[in-house]
Amino acid sequence: MALMITDECIACDACREECPTGSIEENDPIYIIDGDRCTECVGFFDEPQCISVCPVDCIITDPDNIESVEELKYKLKQLEAEGTL
């Protein structure tokens, strides 16, 4: 499952700095998560770092982008193969 940022985002930048895949981008007025890059930190950490550092708890699972752990691992391998990490 990729993650998404809700309208409660205060654009504090905490999540973007923690994202190991660079999938969080500034947007106006809230940040967004690129579902094609988000691996929920699979391959890096035991839990999504953006969720753990968000001061307003505005990062949730994207109900329109459900992925298994295996799919997230495959996505990570693709990003590594492309050299975009």
N, C-alpha and C. Protein backbone atom coordinates (compact mmCIF):
# COMPACT_ATOMS: atom_id res chain seq x y z
N MET A 1 0.84 -1.18 0.00
CA MET A 1 0.00 0.00 0.00
C MET A 1 0.88 1.24 0.00
N ALA A 2 0.67 2.08 -0.91
CA ALA A 2 1.34 3.36 -0.86
C ALA A 2 0.58 4.24 0.14
N LEU A 3 1.21 5.27 0.54
CA LEU A 3 0.63 6.16 1.53
C LEU A 3 0.16 7.44 0.86
N MET A 4 -0.66 8.20 1.57
CA MET A 4 -1.11 9.49 1.07
C MET A 4 -1.17 10.48 2.23
N ILE A 5 -1.10 11.74 1.88
CA ILE A 5 -1.13 12.82 2.87
C ILE A 5 -2.48 13.50 2.77
N THR A 6 -3.14 13.65 3.91
CA THR A 6 -4.47 14.25 3.94
C THR A 6 -4.39 15.78 4.02
N ASP A 7 -5.55 16.41 3.96
CA ASP A 7 -5.63 17.87 4.00
C ASP A 7 -5.19 18.48 5.33
N GLU A 8 -4.99 17.65 6.35
CA GLU A 8 -4.54 18.16 7.64
C GLU A 8 -3.05 18.52 7.64
N CYS A 9 -2.36 18.23 6.54
CA CYS A 9 -0.92 18.51 6.43
C CYS A 9 -0.64 19.99 6.69
N ILE A 10 0.42 20.25 7.48
CA ILE A 10 0.82 21.62 7.78
C ILE A 10 2.10 22.00 7.03
N ALA A 11 2.53 21.14 6.10
CA ALA A 11 3.71 21.38 5.26
C ALA A 11 4.94 21.71 6.10
N CYS A 12 5.17 20.93 7.15
CA CYS A 12 6.29 21.19 8.05
C CYS A 12 7.62 20.66 7.53
N ASP A 13 7.58 19.77 6.51
CA ASP A 13 8.77 19.21 5.87
C ASP A 13 9.40 18.05 6.63
N ALA A 14 8.85 17.66 7.77
CA ALA A 14 9.44 16.56 8.56
C ALA A 14 9.42 15.25 7.78
N CYS A 15 8.33 14.96 7.11
CA CYS A 15 8.21 13.69 6.39
C CYS A 15 9.15 13.61 5.20
N ARG A 16 9.25 14.68 4.47
CA ARG A 16 10.07 14.68 3.25
C ARG A 16 11.53 14.36 3.56
N GLU A 17 12.02 14.89 4.65
CA GLU A 17 13.41 14.66 5.05
C GLU A 17 13.67 13.20 5.43
N GLU A 18 12.65 12.49 5.88
CA GLU A 18 12.80 11.12 6.34
C GLU A 18 12.58 10.06 5.27
N CYS A 19 12.04 10.44 4.13
CA CYS A 19 11.66 9.47 3.10
C CYS A 19 12.90 8.93 2.36
N PRO A 20 13.17 7.62 2.49
CA PRO A 20 14.36 7.06 1.85
C PRO A 20 14.25 6.91 0.33
N THR A 21 13.04 6.98 -0.22
CA THR A 21 12.88 6.84 -1.66
C THR A 21 12.60 8.16 -2.36
N GLY A 22 12.56 9.25 -1.62
CA GLY A 22 12.31 10.55 -2.22
C GLY A 22 10.93 10.67 -2.83
N SER A 23 9.95 9.98 -2.25
CA SER A 23 8.62 9.97 -2.85
C SER A 23 7.71 11.10 -2.35
N ILE A 24 8.17 11.89 -1.39
CA ILE A 24 7.35 12.98 -0.87
C ILE A 24 7.82 14.30 -1.48
N GLU A 25 6.85 15.02 -2.04
CA GLU A 25 7.17 16.27 -2.73
C GLU A 25 6.33 17.42 -2.17
N GLU A 26 6.90 18.61 -2.25
CA GLU A 26 6.14 19.80 -1.88
C GLU A 26 5.05 20.01 -2.92
N ASN A 27 3.92 20.45 -2.46
CA ASN A 27 2.81 20.81 -3.33
C ASN A 27 2.06 21.93 -2.64
N ASP A 28 1.18 22.56 -3.30
CA ASP A 28 0.46 23.68 -2.69
C ASP A 28 -1.00 23.30 -2.50
N PRO A 29 -1.52 23.29 -1.32
CA PRO A 29 -0.95 23.75 -0.06
C PRO A 29 -0.33 22.64 0.78
N ILE A 30 -0.55 21.36 0.40
CA ILE A 30 -0.02 20.26 1.21
C ILE A 30 0.98 19.45 0.41
N TYR A 31 1.75 18.63 1.12
CA TYR A 31 2.70 17.75 0.45
C TYR A 31 1.94 16.58 -0.18
N ILE A 32 2.60 15.91 -1.15
CA ILE A 32 2.01 14.74 -1.78
C ILE A 32 3.03 13.61 -1.80
N ILE A 33 2.52 12.39 -1.87
CA ILE A 33 3.38 11.21 -1.95
C ILE A 33 3.19 10.58 -3.32
N ASP A 34 4.29 10.36 -4.02
CA ASP A 34 4.28 9.71 -5.32
C ASP A 34 4.10 8.21 -5.10
N GLY A 35 2.92 7.70 -5.42
CA GLY A 35 2.62 6.29 -5.22
C GLY A 35 3.49 5.35 -6.04
N ASP A 36 4.09 5.85 -7.11
CA ASP A 36 4.98 5.02 -7.92
C ASP A 36 6.34 4.83 -7.26
N ARG A 37 6.66 5.67 -6.27
CA ARG A 37 7.95 5.58 -5.58
C ARG A 37 7.83 5.10 -4.13
N CYS A 38 6.67 5.28 -3.53
CA CYS A 38 6.50 4.96 -2.12
C CYS A 38 6.53 3.44 -1.89
N THR A 39 7.44 3.00 -1.03
CA THR A 39 7.51 1.58 -0.67
C THR A 39 7.15 1.38 0.80
N GLU A 40 6.60 2.40 1.44
CA GLU A 40 6.28 2.38 2.86
C GLU A 40 7.50 2.00 3.68
N CYS A 41 8.66 2.37 3.17
CA CYS A 41 9.96 2.13 3.80
C CYS A 41 10.37 0.66 3.83
N VAL A 42 9.65 -0.19 3.09
CA VAL A 42 10.04 -1.60 2.98
C VAL A 42 11.44 -1.63 2.39
N GLY A 43 12.31 -2.40 2.99
CA GLY A 43 13.70 -2.48 2.55
C GLY A 43 14.61 -1.51 3.26
N PHE A 44 14.03 -0.60 4.04
CA PHE A 44 14.81 0.39 4.77
C PHE A 44 14.54 0.35 6.28
N PHE A 45 13.26 0.36 6.64
CA PHE A 45 12.86 0.42 8.04
C PHE A 45 11.69 -0.53 8.30
N ASP A 46 11.40 -0.77 9.56
CA ASP A 46 10.30 -1.66 9.94
C ASP A 46 8.94 -0.99 9.80
N GLU A 47 8.91 0.33 9.77
CA GLU A 47 7.66 1.07 9.63
C GLU A 47 7.91 2.32 8.82
N PRO A 48 6.87 2.85 8.20
CA PRO A 48 7.04 4.08 7.42
C PRO A 48 7.52 5.23 8.29
N GLN A 49 8.64 5.80 7.92
CA GLN A 49 9.23 6.88 8.71
C GLN A 49 8.41 8.16 8.66
N CYS A 50 7.75 8.41 7.55
CA CYS A 50 6.95 9.63 7.44
C CYS A 50 5.83 9.64 8.47
N ILE A 51 5.22 8.48 8.68
CA ILE A 51 4.15 8.39 9.67
C ILE A 51 4.70 8.64 11.07
N SER A 52 5.86 8.08 11.35
CA SER A 52 6.41 8.21 12.71
C SER A 52 6.84 9.63 13.06
N VAL A 53 7.18 10.45 12.06
CA VAL A 53 7.63 11.81 12.36
C VAL A 53 6.57 12.88 12.15
N CYS A 54 5.44 12.53 11.57
CA CYS A 54 4.41 13.53 11.28
C CYS A 54 3.79 14.05 12.58
N PRO A 55 3.87 15.36 12.82
CA PRO A 55 3.35 15.92 14.06
C PRO A 55 1.82 16.04 14.11
N VAL A 56 1.16 15.90 12.95
CA VAL A 56 -0.30 16.04 12.94
C VAL A 56 -1.01 14.76 12.47
N ASP A 57 -0.28 13.67 12.34
CA ASP A 57 -0.86 12.38 11.95
C ASP A 57 -1.73 12.46 10.70
N CYS A 58 -1.20 13.07 9.65
CA CYS A 58 -1.98 13.25 8.43
C CYS A 58 -1.59 12.29 7.31
N ILE A 59 -0.76 11.30 7.60
CA ILE A 59 -0.33 10.36 6.57
C ILE A 59 -1.04 9.03 6.82
N ILE A 60 -1.77 8.58 5.80
CA ILE A 60 -2.58 7.38 5.92
C ILE A 60 -2.34 6.46 4.73
N THR A 61 -2.86 5.26 4.81
CA THR A 61 -2.82 4.33 3.69
C THR A 61 -3.74 4.83 2.59
N ASP A 62 -3.25 4.81 1.37
CA ASP A 62 -4.04 5.24 0.22
C ASP A 62 -5.01 4.11 -0.16
N PRO A 63 -6.31 4.29 0.05
CA PRO A 63 -7.26 3.22 -0.25
C PRO A 63 -7.35 2.89 -1.73
N ASP A 64 -6.87 3.76 -2.59
CA ASP A 64 -6.90 3.52 -4.03
C ASP A 64 -5.61 2.90 -4.55
N ASN A 65 -4.68 2.61 -3.65
CA ASN A 65 -3.39 2.08 -4.08
C ASN A 65 -2.92 1.01 -3.09
N ILE A 66 -3.63 -0.10 -3.03
CA ILE A 66 -3.32 -1.18 -2.11
C ILE A 66 -2.25 -2.08 -2.74
N GLU A 67 -1.15 -2.28 -1.99
CA GLU A 67 -0.05 -3.13 -2.46
C GLU A 67 0.39 -4.06 -1.34
N SER A 68 0.78 -5.26 -1.69
CA SER A 68 1.29 -6.22 -0.71
C SER A 68 2.76 -5.90 -0.42
N VAL A 69 3.28 -6.51 0.61
CA VAL A 69 4.70 -6.33 0.94
C VAL A 69 5.56 -6.80 -0.22
N GLU A 70 5.17 -7.88 -0.85
CA GLU A 70 5.93 -8.38 -2.00
C GLU A 70 5.94 -7.37 -3.15
N GLU A 71 4.81 -6.74 -3.39
CA GLU A 71 4.76 -5.71 -4.43
C GLU A 71 5.63 -4.51 -4.08
N LEU A 72 5.65 -4.14 -2.80
CA LEU A 72 6.49 -3.03 -2.37
C LEU A 72 7.97 -3.38 -2.52
N LYS A 73 8.33 -4.62 -2.22
CA LYS A 73 9.72 -5.07 -2.41
C LYS A 73 10.10 -5.04 -3.89
N TYR A 74 9.18 -5.46 -4.73
CA TYR A 74 9.44 -5.43 -6.18
C TYR A 74 9.63 -3.99 -6.66
N LYS A 75 8.79 -3.08 -6.17
CA LYS A 75 8.91 -1.67 -6.53
C LYS A 75 10.28 -1.14 -6.13
N LEU A 76 10.74 -1.50 -4.94
CA LEU A 76 12.06 -1.07 -4.47
C LEU A 76 13.15 -1.58 -5.40
N LYS A 77 13.07 -2.85 -5.79
CA LYS A 77 14.07 -3.41 -6.72
C LYS A 77 14.06 -2.68 -8.06
N GLN A 78 12.87 -2.30 -8.53
CA GLN A 78 12.77 -1.55 -9.78
C GLN A 78 13.42 -0.18 -9.65
N LEU A 79 13.18 0.51 -8.54
CA LEU A 79 13.78 1.82 -8.32
C LEU A 79 15.30 1.71 -8.25
N GLU A 80 15.78 0.66 -7.60
CA GLU A 80 17.24 0.45 -7.51
C GLU A 80 17.82 0.16 -8.89
N ALA A 81 17.12 -0.67 -9.69
CA ALA A 81 17.60 -1.02 -11.02
C ALA A 81 17.64 0.21 -11.94
N GLU A 82 16.69 1.12 -11.75
CA GLU A 82 16.64 2.35 -12.55
C GLU A 82 17.70 3.35 -12.10
N GLY A 83 18.26 3.12 -10.92
CA GLY A 83 19.25 4.04 -10.40
C GLY A 83 18.65 5.35 -9.89
N THR A 84 17.39 5.30 -9.49
CA THR A 84 16.72 6.53 -9.05
C THR A 84 16.67 6.67 -7.52
N LEU A 85 17.39 5.83 -6.83
CA LEU A 85 17.47 5.96 -5.37
C LEU A 85 18.78 6.55 -4.95
